[in-house]
Amino acid sequence: MHAKSLFDKLMYPGKVMSVEESVRRNIQMLLNSGRILDGDLSKQSEEDIPAIVDQIAHSEGAMQSYEVKLAALILRHEPRLDMVEVETIEITNQGEARCELRLTIGALETSCHFVF
C-alpha cells in the first residue's frame, strides 16, 4: 500500500513511499520539532507535554505519565496510526533522546527506533 501524506507529496514528488515509511518520517519530524526534547514554554498550551529533560529529575511515575502523553501527541498528529506504545525512552549523556515505539497501522504492527 502506498499512501503519502501531503507533506511527503510536496517534499518527495514522484517518490513511491509506503505508509509505514511515511508515518515514520512524520513521527521523526514531530520528535525533531524541538518541543519534545527541550520544550518551548512560550508556546505551551494545555495540550502540550512538558520537555523530556524536565521529566528526568522526577520519579518513575512522571516518566510513565510522559510516555502516555507522548503517545497521545503522536496519535493526534498522525491519524493513520491505530495505536502507539512507548516501549522505551531515555536521554543519553550527549543530550539526545532515544525512544522505541510500537506502532500499529491497520494490520501492520512494527517497532521503530527514533533519536531526537
PDB file of N, CA and C in Angstrom:
ATOM      1  N   MET A   1       0.849  -1.178   0.000  1.00  0.00           N
ATOM      2  CA  MET A   1       0.000   0.000   0.000  1.00  0.00           C
ATOM      3  C   MET A   1       0.896   1.242   0.000  1.00  0.00           C
ATOM      4  N   HIS A   2       0.556   2.188  -0.849  1.00  0.00           N
ATOM      5  CA  HIS A   2       1.328   3.419  -0.953  1.00  0.00           C
ATOM      6  C   HIS A   2       0.410   4.590  -0.641  1.00  0.00           C
ATOM      7  N   ALA A   3       0.748   5.320   0.399  1.00  0.00           N
ATOM      8  CA  ALA A   3      -0.049   6.491   0.768  1.00  0.00           C
ATOM      9  C   ALA A   3       0.851   7.501   1.456  1.00  0.00           C
ATOM     10  N   LYS A   4       1.145   8.577   0.736  1.00  0.00           N
ATOM     11  CA  LYS A   4       1.986   9.616   1.299  1.00  0.00           C
ATOM     12  C   LYS A   4       1.112  10.704   1.900  1.00  0.00           C
ATOM     13  N   SER A   5       1.644  11.335   2.918  1.00  0.00           N
ATOM     14  CA  SER A   5       0.969  12.496   3.484  1.00  0.00           C
ATOM     15  C   SER A   5       1.145  13.668   2.515  1.00  0.00           C
ATOM     16  N   LEU A   6       0.398  14.735   2.712  1.00  0.00           N
ATOM     17  CA  LEU A   6       0.537  15.917   1.870  1.00  0.00           C
ATOM     18  C   LEU A   6       1.970  16.442   1.931  1.00  0.00           C
ATOM     19  N   PHE A   7       2.553  16.468   3.121  1.00  0.00           N
ATOM     20  CA  PHE A   7       3.940  16.924   3.275  1.00  0.00           C
ATOM     21  C   PHE A   7       4.884  16.062   2.437  1.00  0.00           C
ATOM     22  N   ASP A   8       4.693  14.732   2.489  1.00  0.00           N
ATOM     23  CA  ASP A   8       5.542  13.828   1.706  1.00  0.00           C
ATOM     24  C   ASP A   8       5.393  14.106   0.211  1.00  0.00           C
ATOM     25  N   LYS A   9       4.168  14.360  -0.233  1.00  0.00           N
ATOM     26  CA  LYS A   9       3.930  14.643  -1.650  1.00  0.00           C
ATOM     27  C   LYS A   9       4.657  15.911  -2.078  1.00  0.00           C
ATOM     28  N   LEU A  10       4.691  16.909  -1.200  1.00  0.00           N
ATOM     29  CA  LEU A  10       5.376  18.158  -1.517  1.00  0.00           C
ATOM     30  C   LEU A  10       6.893  18.004  -1.464  1.00  0.00           C
ATOM     31  N   MET A  11       7.389  17.272  -0.475  1.00  0.00           N
ATOM     32  CA  MET A  11       8.844  17.140  -0.279  1.00  0.00           C
ATOM     33  C   MET A  11       9.472  16.068  -1.176  1.00  0.00           C
ATOM     34  N   TYR A  12       8.716  15.040  -1.504  1.00  0.00           N
ATOM     35  CA  TYR A  12       9.250  13.905  -2.262  1.00  0.00           C
ATOM     36  C   TYR A  12       8.349  13.594  -3.457  1.00  0.00           C
ATOM     37  N   PRO A  13       8.189  14.548  -4.377  1.00  0.00           N
ATOM     38  CA  PRO A  13       7.302  14.306  -5.515  1.00  0.00           C
ATOM     39  C   PRO A  13       7.825  13.157  -6.381  1.00  0.00           C
ATOM     40  N   GLY A  14       6.916  12.277  -6.768  1.00  0.00           N
ATOM     41  CA  GLY A  14       7.275  11.158  -7.626  1.00  0.00           C
ATOM     42  C   GLY A  14       7.890   9.980  -6.914  1.00  0.00           C
ATOM     43  N   LYS A  15       8.245  10.131  -5.655  1.00  0.00           N
ATOM     44  CA  LYS A  15       8.848   9.016  -4.908  1.00  0.00           C
ATOM     45  C   LYS A  15       7.752   8.098  -4.375  1.00  0.00           C
ATOM     46  N   VAL A  16       7.878   6.820  -4.659  1.00  0.00           N
ATOM     47  CA  VAL A  16       6.944   5.841  -4.110  1.00  0.00           C
ATOM     48  C   VAL A  16       7.344   5.585  -2.666  1.00  0.00           C
ATOM     49  N   MET A  17       6.374   5.675  -1.769  1.00  0.00           N
ATOM     50  CA  MET A  17       6.653   5.559  -0.345  1.00  0.00           C
ATOM     51  C   MET A  17       5.543   4.741   0.313  1.00  0.00           C
ATOM     52  N   SER A  18       5.928   3.798   1.141  1.00  0.00           N
ATOM     53  CA  SER A  18       4.926   3.007   1.854  1.00  0.00           C
ATOM     54  C   SER A  18       4.303   3.838   2.972  1.00  0.00           C
ATOM     55  N   VAL A  19       3.154   3.409   3.428  1.00  0.00           N
ATOM     56  CA  VAL A  19       2.504   4.084   4.553  1.00  0.00           C
ATOM     57  C   VAL A  19       3.426   4.051   5.763  1.00  0.00           C
ATOM     58  N   GLU A  20       4.065   2.914   6.007  1.00  0.00           N
ATOM     59  CA  GLU A  20       4.963   2.783   7.158  1.00  0.00           C
ATOM     60  C   GLU A  20       6.105   3.799   7.074  1.00  0.00           C
ATOM     61  N   GLU A  21       6.717   3.933   5.908  1.00  0.00           N
ATOM     62  CA  GLU A  21       7.816   4.881   5.748  1.00  0.00           C
ATOM     63  C   GLU A  21       7.332   6.319   5.938  1.00  0.00           C
ATOM     64  N   SER A  22       6.178   6.630   5.394  1.00  0.00           N
ATOM     65  CA  SER A  22       5.613   7.970   5.529  1.00  0.00           C
ATOM     66  C   SER A  22       5.305   8.303   6.988  1.00  0.00           C
ATOM     67  N   VAL A  23       4.720   7.346   7.696  1.00  0.00           N
ATOM     68  CA  VAL A  23       4.395   7.540   9.116  1.00  0.00           C
ATOM     69  C   VAL A  23       5.681   7.726   9.919  1.00  0.00           C
ATOM     70  N   ARG A  24       6.685   6.916   9.660  1.00  0.00           N
ATOM     71  CA  ARG A  24       7.964   7.045  10.370  1.00  0.00           C
ATOM     72  C   ARG A  24       8.577   8.426  10.156  1.00  0.00           C
ATOM     73  N   ARG A  25       8.562   8.897   8.917  1.00  0.00           N
ATOM     74  CA  ARG A  25       9.109  10.229   8.622  1.00  0.00           C
ATOM     75  C   ARG A  25       8.349  11.309   9.392  1.00  0.00           C
ATOM     76  N   ASN A  26       7.032  11.202   9.416  1.00  0.00           N
ATOM     77  CA  ASN A  26       6.229  12.204  10.109  1.00  0.00           C
ATOM     78  C   ASN A  26       6.483  12.195  11.609  1.00  0.00           C
ATOM     79  N   ILE A  27       6.619  11.013  12.194  1.00  0.00           N
ATOM     80  CA  ILE A  27       6.915  10.926  13.632  1.00  0.00           C
ATOM     81  C   ILE A  27       8.290  11.514  13.914  1.00  0.00           C
ATOM     82  N   GLN A  28       9.269  11.203  13.065  1.00  0.00           N
ATOM     83  CA  GLN A  28      10.616  11.746  13.269  1.00  0.00           C
ATOM     84  C   GLN A  28      10.594  13.269  13.206  1.00  0.00           C
ATOM     85  N   MET A  29       9.841  13.836  12.264  1.00  0.00           N
ATOM     86  CA  MET A  29       9.746  15.301  12.167  1.00  0.00           C
ATOM     87  C   MET A  29       9.081  15.884  13.412  1.00  0.00           C
ATOM     88  N   LEU A  30       8.060  15.209  13.913  1.00  0.00           N
ATOM     89  CA  LEU A  30       7.389  15.664  15.127  1.00  0.00           C
ATOM     90  C   LEU A  30       8.361  15.657  16.306  1.00  0.00           C
ATOM     91  N   LEU A  31       9.117  14.578  16.446  1.00  0.00           N
ATOM     92  CA  LEU A  31      10.090  14.477  17.538  1.00  0.00           C
ATOM     93  C   LEU A  31      11.217  15.495  17.379  1.00  0.00           C
ATOM     94  N   ASN A  32      11.606  15.783  16.147  1.00  0.00           N
ATOM     95  CA  ASN A  32      12.685  16.733  15.892  1.00  0.00           C
ATOM     96  C   ASN A  32      12.246  18.181  16.013  1.00  0.00           C
ATOM     97  N   SER A  33      10.981  18.412  16.216  1.00  0.00           N
ATOM     98  CA  SER A  33      10.480  19.789  16.242  1.00  0.00           C
ATOM     99  C   SER A  33      11.080  20.605  17.387  1.00  0.00           C
ATOM    100  N   GLY A  34      11.709  19.940  18.358  1.00  0.00           N
ATOM    101  CA  GLY A  34      12.333  20.654  19.474  1.00  0.00           C
ATOM    102  C   GLY A  34      11.406  20.814  20.654  1.00  0.00           C
ATOM    103  N   ARG A  35      10.132  20.720  20.442  1.00  0.00           N
ATOM    104  CA  ARG A  35       9.162  20.877  21.516  1.00  0.00           C
ATOM    105  C   ARG A  35       9.216  19.691  22.475  1.00  0.00           C
ATOM    106  N   ILE A  36       9.590  18.538  21.972  1.00  0.00           N
ATOM    107  CA  ILE A  36       9.588  17.327  22.789  1.00  0.00           C
ATOM    108  C   ILE A  36      10.813  17.281  23.694  1.00  0.00           C
ATOM    109  N   LEU A  37      11.990  17.550  23.127  1.00  0.00           N
ATOM    110  CA  LEU A  37      13.223  17.388  23.888  1.00  0.00           C
ATOM    111  C   LEU A  37      13.450  18.503  24.890  1.00  0.00           C
ATOM    112  N   ASP A  38      13.410  19.756  24.429  1.00  0.00           N
ATOM    113  CA  ASP A  38      13.744  20.839  25.343  1.00  0.00           C
ATOM    114  C   ASP A  38      12.581  21.757  25.652  1.00  0.00           C
ATOM    115  N   GLY A  39      11.456  21.538  25.016  1.00  0.00           N
ATOM    116  CA  GLY A  39      10.259  22.320  25.297  1.00  0.00           C
ATOM    117  C   GLY A  39      10.345  23.739  24.750  1.00  0.00           C
ATOM    118  N   ASP A  40       9.218  24.369  24.734  1.00  0.00           N
ATOM    119  CA  ASP A  40       9.124  25.755  24.292  1.00  0.00           C
ATOM    120  C   ASP A  40       8.037  26.380  25.148  1.00  0.00           C
ATOM    121  N   LEU A  41       8.442  26.849  26.307  1.00  0.00           N
ATOM    122  CA  LEU A  41       7.472  27.307  27.290  1.00  0.00           C
ATOM    123  C   LEU A  41       6.635  28.473  26.800  1.00  0.00           C
ATOM    124  N   SER A  42       7.147  29.248  25.867  1.00  0.00           N
ATOM    125  CA  SER A  42       6.380  30.389  25.378  1.00  0.00           C
ATOM    126  C   SER A  42       5.187  29.963  24.537  1.00  0.00           C
ATOM    127  N   LYS A  43       5.190  28.716  24.059  1.00  0.00           N
ATOM    128  CA  LYS A  43       4.113  28.256  23.200  1.00  0.00           C
ATOM    129  C   LYS A  43       3.294  27.129  23.811  1.00  0.00           C
ATOM    130  N   GLN A  44       3.577  26.733  25.018  1.00  0.00           N
ATOM    131  CA  GLN A  44       2.866  25.595  25.586  1.00  0.00           C
ATOM    132  C   GLN A  44       1.416  25.929  25.889  1.00  0.00           C
ATOM    133  N   SER A  45       0.572  24.975  25.596  1.00  0.00           N
ATOM    134  CA  SER A  45      -0.842  25.078  25.930  1.00  0.00           C
ATOM    135  C   SER A  45      -1.203  23.878  26.788  1.00  0.00           C
ATOM    136  N   GLU A  46      -2.455  23.754  27.119  1.00  0.00           N
ATOM    137  CA  GLU A  46      -2.887  22.636  27.959  1.00  0.00           C
ATOM    138  C   GLU A  46      -2.624  21.300  27.290  1.00  0.00           C
ATOM    139  N   GLU A  47      -2.642  21.251  25.953  1.00  0.00           N
ATOM    140  CA  GLU A  47      -2.462  20.003  25.228  1.00  0.00           C
ATOM    141  C   GLU A  47      -1.000  19.592  25.136  1.00  0.00           C
ATOM    142  N   ASP A  48      -0.084  20.540  25.268  1.00  0.00           N
ATOM    143  CA  ASP A  48       1.333  20.238  25.105  1.00  0.00           C
ATOM    144  C   ASP A  48       1.867  19.419  26.266  1.00  0.00           C
ATOM    145  N   ILE A  49       2.911  18.677  25.965  1.00  0.00           N
ATOM    146  CA  ILE A  49       3.564  17.899  27.009  1.00  0.00           C
ATOM    147  C   ILE A  49       4.828  18.640  27.418  1.00  0.00           C
ATOM    148  N   PRO A  50       5.255  18.475  28.652  1.00  0.00           N
ATOM    149  CA  PRO A  50       6.476  19.154  29.101  1.00  0.00           C
ATOM    150  C   PRO A  50       7.699  18.561  28.405  1.00  0.00           C
ATOM    151  N   ALA A  51       8.775  19.284  28.394  1.00  0.00           N
ATOM    152  CA  ALA A  51      10.020  18.800  27.796  1.00  0.00           C
ATOM    153  C   ALA A  51      10.500  17.562  28.540  1.00  0.00           C
ATOM    154  N   ILE A  52      11.066  16.619  27.792  1.00  0.00           N
ATOM    155  CA  ILE A  52      11.520  15.369  28.402  1.00  0.00           C
ATOM    156  C   ILE A  52      12.626  15.625  29.422  1.00  0.00           C
ATOM    157  N   VAL A  53      13.477  16.616  29.172  1.00  0.00           N
ATOM    158  CA  VAL A  53      14.556  16.883  30.130  1.00  0.00           C
ATOM    159  C   VAL A  53      13.996  17.312  31.478  1.00  0.00           C
ATOM    160  N   ASP A  54      12.794  17.884  31.491  1.00  0.00           N
ATOM    161  CA  ASP A  54      12.152  18.261  32.746  1.00  0.00           C
ATOM    162  C   ASP A  54      11.673  17.047  33.520  1.00  0.00           C
ATOM    163  N   GLN A  55      11.499  15.921  32.843  1.00  0.00           N
ATOM    164  CA  GLN A  55      10.979  14.719  33.478  1.00  0.00           C
ATOM    165  C   GLN A  55      12.062  13.872  34.129  1.00  0.00           C
ATOM    166  N   ILE A  56      13.301  14.045  33.703  1.00  0.00           N
ATOM    167  CA  ILE A  56      14.395  13.216  34.203  1.00  0.00           C
ATOM    168  C   ILE A  56      14.569  13.376  35.715  1.00  0.00           C
ATOM    169  N   ALA A  57      14.373  14.574  36.197  1.00  0.00           N
ATOM    170  CA  ALA A  57      14.581  14.832  37.626  1.00  0.00           C
ATOM    171  C   ALA A  57      13.424  14.312  38.478  1.00  0.00           C
ATOM    172  N   HIS A  58      12.357  13.882  37.845  1.00  0.00           N
ATOM    173  CA  HIS A  58      11.187  13.432  38.586  1.00  0.00           C
ATOM    174  C   HIS A  58      11.185  11.916  38.754  1.00  0.00           C
ATOM    175  N   SER A  59      10.136  11.412  39.298  1.00  0.00           N
ATOM    176  CA  SER A  59      10.036   9.984  39.615  1.00  0.00           C
ATOM    177  C   SER A  59       9.751   9.141  38.381  1.00  0.00           C
ATOM    178  N   GLU A  60       9.809   7.840  38.561  1.00  0.00           N
ATOM    179  CA  GLU A  60       9.454   6.885  37.509  1.00  0.00           C
ATOM    180  C   GLU A  60       8.019   7.117  37.067  1.00  0.00           C
ATOM    181  N   GLY A  61       7.156   7.475  37.987  1.00  0.00           N
ATOM    182  CA  GLY A  61       5.760   7.766  37.661  1.00  0.00           C
ATOM    183  C   GLY A  61       5.633   8.941  36.708  1.00  0.00           C
ATOM    184  N   ALA A  62       6.504   9.928  36.860  1.00  0.00           N
ATOM    185  CA  ALA A  62       6.489  11.083  35.954  1.00  0.00           C
ATOM    186  C   ALA A  62       6.875  10.651  34.550  1.00  0.00           C
ATOM    187  N   MET A  63       7.859   9.754  34.428  1.00  0.00           N
ATOM    188  CA  MET A  63       8.253   9.276  33.103  1.00  0.00           C
ATOM    189  C   MET A  63       7.138   8.437  32.473  1.00  0.00           C
ATOM    190  N   GLN A  64       6.433   7.635  33.264  1.00  0.00           N
ATOM    191  CA  GLN A  64       5.325   6.844  32.719  1.00  0.00           C
ATOM    192  C   GLN A  64       4.222   7.760  32.217  1.00  0.00           C
ATOM    193  N   SER A  65       3.944   8.805  32.955  1.00  0.00           N
ATOM    194  CA  SER A  65       2.952   9.790  32.535  1.00  0.00           C
ATOM    195  C   SER A  65       3.412  10.469  31.247  1.00  0.00           C
ATOM    196  N   TYR A  66       4.700  10.763  31.152  1.00  0.00           N
ATOM    197  CA  TYR A  66       5.266  11.380  29.967  1.00  0.00           C
ATOM    198  C   TYR A  66       5.091  10.470  28.746  1.00  0.00           C
ATOM    199  N   GLU A  67       5.333   9.174  28.927  1.00  0.00           N
ATOM    200  CA  GLU A  67       5.197   8.217  27.830  1.00  0.00           C
ATOM    201  C   GLU A  67       3.761   8.200  27.302  1.00  0.00           C
ATOM    202  N   VAL A  68       2.789   8.254  28.195  1.00  0.00           N
ATOM    203  CA  VAL A  68       1.379   8.276  27.798  1.00  0.00           C
ATOM    204  C   VAL A  68       1.079   9.552  27.009  1.00  0.00           C
ATOM    205  N   LYS A  69       1.592  10.683  27.486  1.00  0.00           N
ATOM    206  CA  LYS A  69       1.364  11.956  26.794  1.00  0.00           C
ATOM    207  C   LYS A  69       2.049  11.976  25.432  1.00  0.00           C
ATOM    208  N   LEU A  70       3.243  11.402  25.345  1.00  0.00           N
ATOM    209  CA  LEU A  70       3.961  11.346  24.075  1.00  0.00           C
ATOM    210  C   LEU A  70       3.178  10.508  23.062  1.00  0.00           C
ATOM    211  N   ALA A  71       2.683   9.362  23.493  1.00  0.00           N
ATOM    212  CA  ALA A  71       1.893   8.510  22.594  1.00  0.00           C
ATOM    213  C   ALA A  71       0.635   9.252  22.119  1.00  0.00           C
ATOM    214  N   ALA A  72      -0.023   9.961  23.021  1.00  0.00           N
ATOM    215  CA  ALA A  72      -1.232  10.712  22.653  1.00  0.00           C
ATOM    216  C   ALA A  72      -0.899  11.827  21.665  1.00  0.00           C
ATOM    217  N   LEU A  73       0.231  12.490  21.865  1.00  0.00           N
ATOM    218  CA  LEU A  73       0.657  13.558  20.957  1.00  0.00           C
ATOM    219  C   LEU A  73       0.898  13.002  19.557  1.00  0.00           C
ATOM    220  N   ILE A  74       1.582  11.870  19.476  1.00  0.00           N
ATOM    221  CA  ILE A  74       1.860  11.252  18.178  1.00  0.00           C
ATOM    222  C   ILE A  74       0.562  10.832  17.502  1.00  0.00           C
ATOM    223  N   LEU A  75      -0.351  10.225  18.256  1.00  0.00           N
ATOM    224  CA  LEU A  75      -1.637   9.818  17.681  1.00  0.00           C
ATOM    225  C   LEU A  75      -2.436  11.021  17.171  1.00  0.00           C
ATOM    226  N   ARG A  76      -2.357  12.123  17.875  1.00  0.00           N
ATOM    227  CA  ARG A  76      -3.091  13.325  17.476  1.00  0.00           C
ATOM    228  C   ARG A  76      -2.563  13.873  16.151  1.00  0.00           C
ATOM    229  N   HIS A  77      -1.249  13.790  15.941  1.00  0.00           N
ATOM    230  CA  HIS A  77      -0.645  14.362  14.745  1.00  0.00           C
ATOM    231  C   HIS A  77      -0.433  13.367  13.606  1.00  0.00           C
ATOM    232  N   GLU A  78      -0.650  12.095  13.844  1.00  0.00           N
ATOM    233  CA  GLU A  78      -0.502  11.088  12.791  1.00  0.00           C
ATOM    234  C   GLU A  78      -1.743  10.194  12.787  1.00  0.00           C
ATOM    235  N   PRO A  79      -2.806  10.655  12.101  1.00  0.00           N
ATOM    236  CA  PRO A  79      -4.093   9.945  12.152  1.00  0.00           C
ATOM    237  C   PRO A  79      -4.109   8.584  11.459  1.00  0.00           C
ATOM    238  N   ARG A  80      -3.077   8.261  10.699  1.00  0.00           N
ATOM    239  CA  ARG A  80      -3.045   6.936  10.062  1.00  0.00           C
ATOM    240  C   ARG A  80      -2.696   5.830  11.048  1.00  0.00           C
ATOM    241  N   LEU A  81      -2.220   6.199  12.238  1.00  0.00           N
ATOM    242  CA  LEU A  81      -1.881   5.209  13.264  1.00  0.00           C
ATOM    243  C   LEU A  81      -3.129   4.769  14.018  1.00  0.00           C
ATOM    244  N   ASP A  82      -3.181   3.494  14.309  1.00  0.00           N
ATOM    245  CA  ASP A  82      -4.257   2.957  15.156  1.00  0.00           C
ATOM    246  C   ASP A  82      -3.833   2.925  16.616  1.00  0.00           C
ATOM    247  N   MET A  83      -2.526   2.712  16.845  1.00  0.00           N
ATOM    248  CA  MET A  83      -2.025   2.637  18.213  1.00  0.00           C
ATOM    249  C   MET A  83      -0.543   3.001  18.245  1.00  0.00           C
ATOM    250  N   VAL A  84      -0.138   3.628  19.347  1.00  0.00           N
ATOM    251  CA  VAL A  84       1.276   3.916  19.619  1.00  0.00           C
ATOM    252  C   VAL A  84       1.552   3.507  21.050  1.00  0.00           C
ATOM    253  N   GLU A  85       2.605   2.750  21.238  1.00  0.00           N
ATOM    254  CA  GLU A  85       3.036   2.386  22.590  1.00  0.00           C
ATOM    255  C   GLU A  85       4.511   2.742  22.721  1.00  0.00           C
ATOM    256  N   VAL A  86       4.852   3.512  23.742  1.00  0.00           N
ATOM    257  CA  VAL A  86       6.248   3.849  24.001  1.00  0.00           C
ATOM    258  C   VAL A  86       6.849   2.681  24.776  1.00  0.00           C
ATOM    259  N   GLU A  87       7.757   1.963  24.125  1.00  0.00           N
ATOM    260  CA  GLU A  87       8.379   0.811  24.770  1.00  0.00           C
ATOM    261  C   GLU A  87       9.529   1.233  25.669  1.00  0.00           C
ATOM    262  N   THR A  88      10.377   2.148  25.179  1.00  0.00           N
ATOM    263  CA  THR A  88      11.477   2.677  25.982  1.00  0.00           C
ATOM    264  C   THR A  88      11.698   4.133  25.602  1.00  0.00           C
ATOM    265  N   ILE A  89      12.236   4.878  26.545  1.00  0.00           N
ATOM    266  CA  ILE A  89      12.656   6.248  26.277  1.00  0.00           C
ATOM    267  C   ILE A  89      13.786   6.572  27.242  1.00  0.00           C
ATOM    268  N   GLU A  90      14.818   7.227  26.723  1.00  0.00           N
ATOM    269  CA  GLU A  90      15.973   7.557  27.555  1.00  0.00           C
ATOM    270  C   GLU A  90      16.660   8.800  27.021  1.00  0.00           C
ATOM    271  N   ILE A  91      17.449   9.426  27.872  1.00  0.00           N
ATOM    272  CA  ILE A  91      18.282  10.557  27.494  1.00  0.00           C
ATOM    273  C   ILE A  91      19.737  10.097  27.577  1.00  0.00           C
ATOM    274  N   THR A  92      20.509  10.354  26.517  1.00  0.00           N
ATOM    275  CA  THR A  92      21.913   9.961  26.514  1.00  0.00           C
ATOM    276  C   THR A  92      22.753  11.040  27.178  1.00  0.00           C
ATOM    277  N   ASN A  93      24.010  10.722  27.452  1.00  0.00           N
ATOM    278  CA  ASN A  93      24.942  11.701  28.030  1.00  0.00           C
ATOM    279  C   ASN A  93      25.221  12.849  27.070  1.00  0.00           C
ATOM    280  N   GLN A  94      24.979  12.619  25.774  1.00  0.00           N
ATOM    281  CA  GLN A  94      25.191  13.653  24.767  1.00  0.00           C
ATOM    282  C   GLN A  94      23.972  14.567  24.623  1.00  0.00           C
ATOM    283  N   GLY A  95      22.949  14.342  25.427  1.00  0.00           N
ATOM    284  CA  GLY A  95      21.769  15.189  25.389  1.00  0.00           C
ATOM    285  C   GLY A  95      20.742  14.808  24.347  1.00  0.00           C
ATOM    286  N   GLU A  96      20.874  13.635  23.750  1.00  0.00           N
ATOM    287  CA  GLU A  96      19.890  13.145  22.794  1.00  0.00           C
ATOM    288  C   GLU A  96      18.850  12.310  23.523  1.00  0.00           C
ATOM    289  N   ALA A  97      17.668  12.309  22.996  1.00  0.00           N
ATOM    290  CA  ALA A  97      16.644  11.398  23.497  1.00  0.00           C
ATOM    291  C   ALA A  97      16.519  10.255  22.500  1.00  0.00           C
ATOM    292  N   ARG A  98      16.281   9.082  23.013  1.00  0.00           N
ATOM    293  CA  ARG A  98      16.070   7.896  22.175  1.00  0.00           C
ATOM    294  C   ARG A  98      14.812   7.208  22.664  1.00  0.00           C
ATOM    295  N   CYS A  99      14.021   6.751  21.709  1.00  0.00           N
ATOM    296  CA  CYS A  99      12.842   6.004  22.112  1.00  0.00           C
ATOM    297  C   CYS A  99      12.555   4.894  21.122  1.00  0.00           C
ATOM    298  N   GLU A 100      11.917   3.893  21.618  1.00  0.00           N
ATOM    299  CA  GLU A 100      11.450   2.760  20.821  1.00  0.00           C
ATOM    300  C   GLU A 100       9.932   2.799  20.902  1.00  0.00           C
ATOM    301  N   LEU A 101       9.292   2.867  19.741  1.00  0.00           N
ATOM    302  CA  LEU A 101       7.840   2.926  19.688  1.00  0.00           C
ATOM    303  C   LEU A 101       7.289   1.699  18.987  1.00  0.00           C
ATOM    304  N   ARG A 102       6.226   1.149  19.509  1.00  0.00           N
ATOM    305  CA  ARG A 102       5.493   0.090  18.824  1.00  0.00           C
ATOM    306  C   ARG A 102       4.317   0.778  18.151  1.00  0.00           C
ATOM    307  N   LEU A 103       4.262   0.657  16.820  1.00  0.00           N
ATOM    308  CA  LEU A 103       3.236   1.319  16.027  1.00  0.00           C
ATOM    309  C   LEU A 103       2.305   0.298  15.390  1.00  0.00           C
ATOM    310  N   THR A 104       1.024   0.613  15.374  1.00  0.00           N
ATOM    311  CA  THR A 104       0.045  -0.207  14.676  1.00  0.00           C
ATOM    312  C   THR A 104      -0.618   0.651  13.614  1.00  0.00           C
ATOM    313  N   ILE A 105      -0.454   0.198  12.357  1.00  0.00           N
ATOM    314  CA  ILE A 105      -1.043   0.875  11.202  1.00  0.00           C
ATOM    315  C   ILE A 105      -1.887  -0.175  10.490  1.00  0.00           C
ATOM    316  N   GLY A 106      -3.177  -0.159  10.736  1.00  0.00           N
ATOM    317  CA  GLY A 106      -4.035  -1.200  10.170  1.00  0.00           C
ATOM    318  C   GLY A 106      -3.613  -2.548  10.718  1.00  0.00           C
ATOM    319  N   ALA A 107      -3.319  -3.502   9.806  1.00  0.00           N
ATOM    320  CA  ALA A 107      -2.908  -4.847  10.215  1.00  0.00           C
ATOM    321  C   ALA A 107      -1.412  -4.922  10.505  1.00  0.00           C
ATOM    322  N   LEU A 108      -0.662  -3.884  10.161  1.00  0.00           N
ATOM    323  CA  LEU A 108       0.780  -3.878  10.363  1.00  0.00           C
ATOM    324  C   LEU A 108       1.128  -3.416  11.769  1.00  0.00           C
ATOM    325  N   GLU A 109       1.964  -4.205  12.438  1.00  0.00           N
ATOM    326  CA  GLU A 109       2.476  -3.825  13.756  1.00  0.00           C
ATOM    327  C   GLU A 109       3.991  -3.883  13.669  1.00  0.00           C
ATOM    328  N   THR A 110       4.647  -2.771  14.039  1.00  0.00           N
ATOM    329  CA  THR A 110       6.094  -2.690  13.903  1.00  0.00           C
ATOM    330  C   THR A 110       6.700  -1.901  15.056  1.00  0.00           C
ATOM    331  N   SER A 111       7.967  -2.171  15.320  1.00  0.00           N
ATOM    332  CA  SER A 111       8.721  -1.424  16.330  1.00  0.00           C
ATOM    333  C   SER A 111       9.689  -0.512  15.599  1.00  0.00           C
ATOM    334  N   CYS A 112       9.763   0.739  16.018  1.00  0.00           N
ATOM    335  CA  CYS A 112      10.632   1.736  15.374  1.00  0.00           C
ATOM    336  C   CYS A 112      11.467   2.440  16.412  1.00  0.00           C
ATOM    337  N   HIS A 113      12.713   2.682  16.057  1.00  0.00           N
ATOM    338  CA  HIS A 113      13.660   3.388  16.932  1.00  0.00           C
ATOM    339  C   HIS A 113      13.813   4.822  16.422  1.00  0.00           C
ATOM    340  N   PHE A 114      13.740   5.790  17.327  1.00  0.00           N
ATOM    341  CA  PHE A 114      13.879   7.198  16.963  1.00  0.00           C
ATOM    342  C   PHE A 114      14.918   7.851  17.863  1.00  0.00           C
ATOM    343  N   VAL A 115      15.698   8.757  17.284  1.00  0.00           N
ATOM    344  CA  VAL A 115      16.652   9.573  18.021  1.00  0.00           C
ATOM    345  C   VAL A 115      16.285  11.011  17.740  1.00  0.00           C
ATOM    346  N   PHE A 116      16.198  11.827  18.819  1.00  0.00           N
ATOM    347  CA  PHE A 116      15.839  13.236  18.631  1.00  0.00           C
ATOM    348  C   PHE A 116      16.514  14.103  19.659  1.00  0.00           C
TER     349      PHE A 116
END
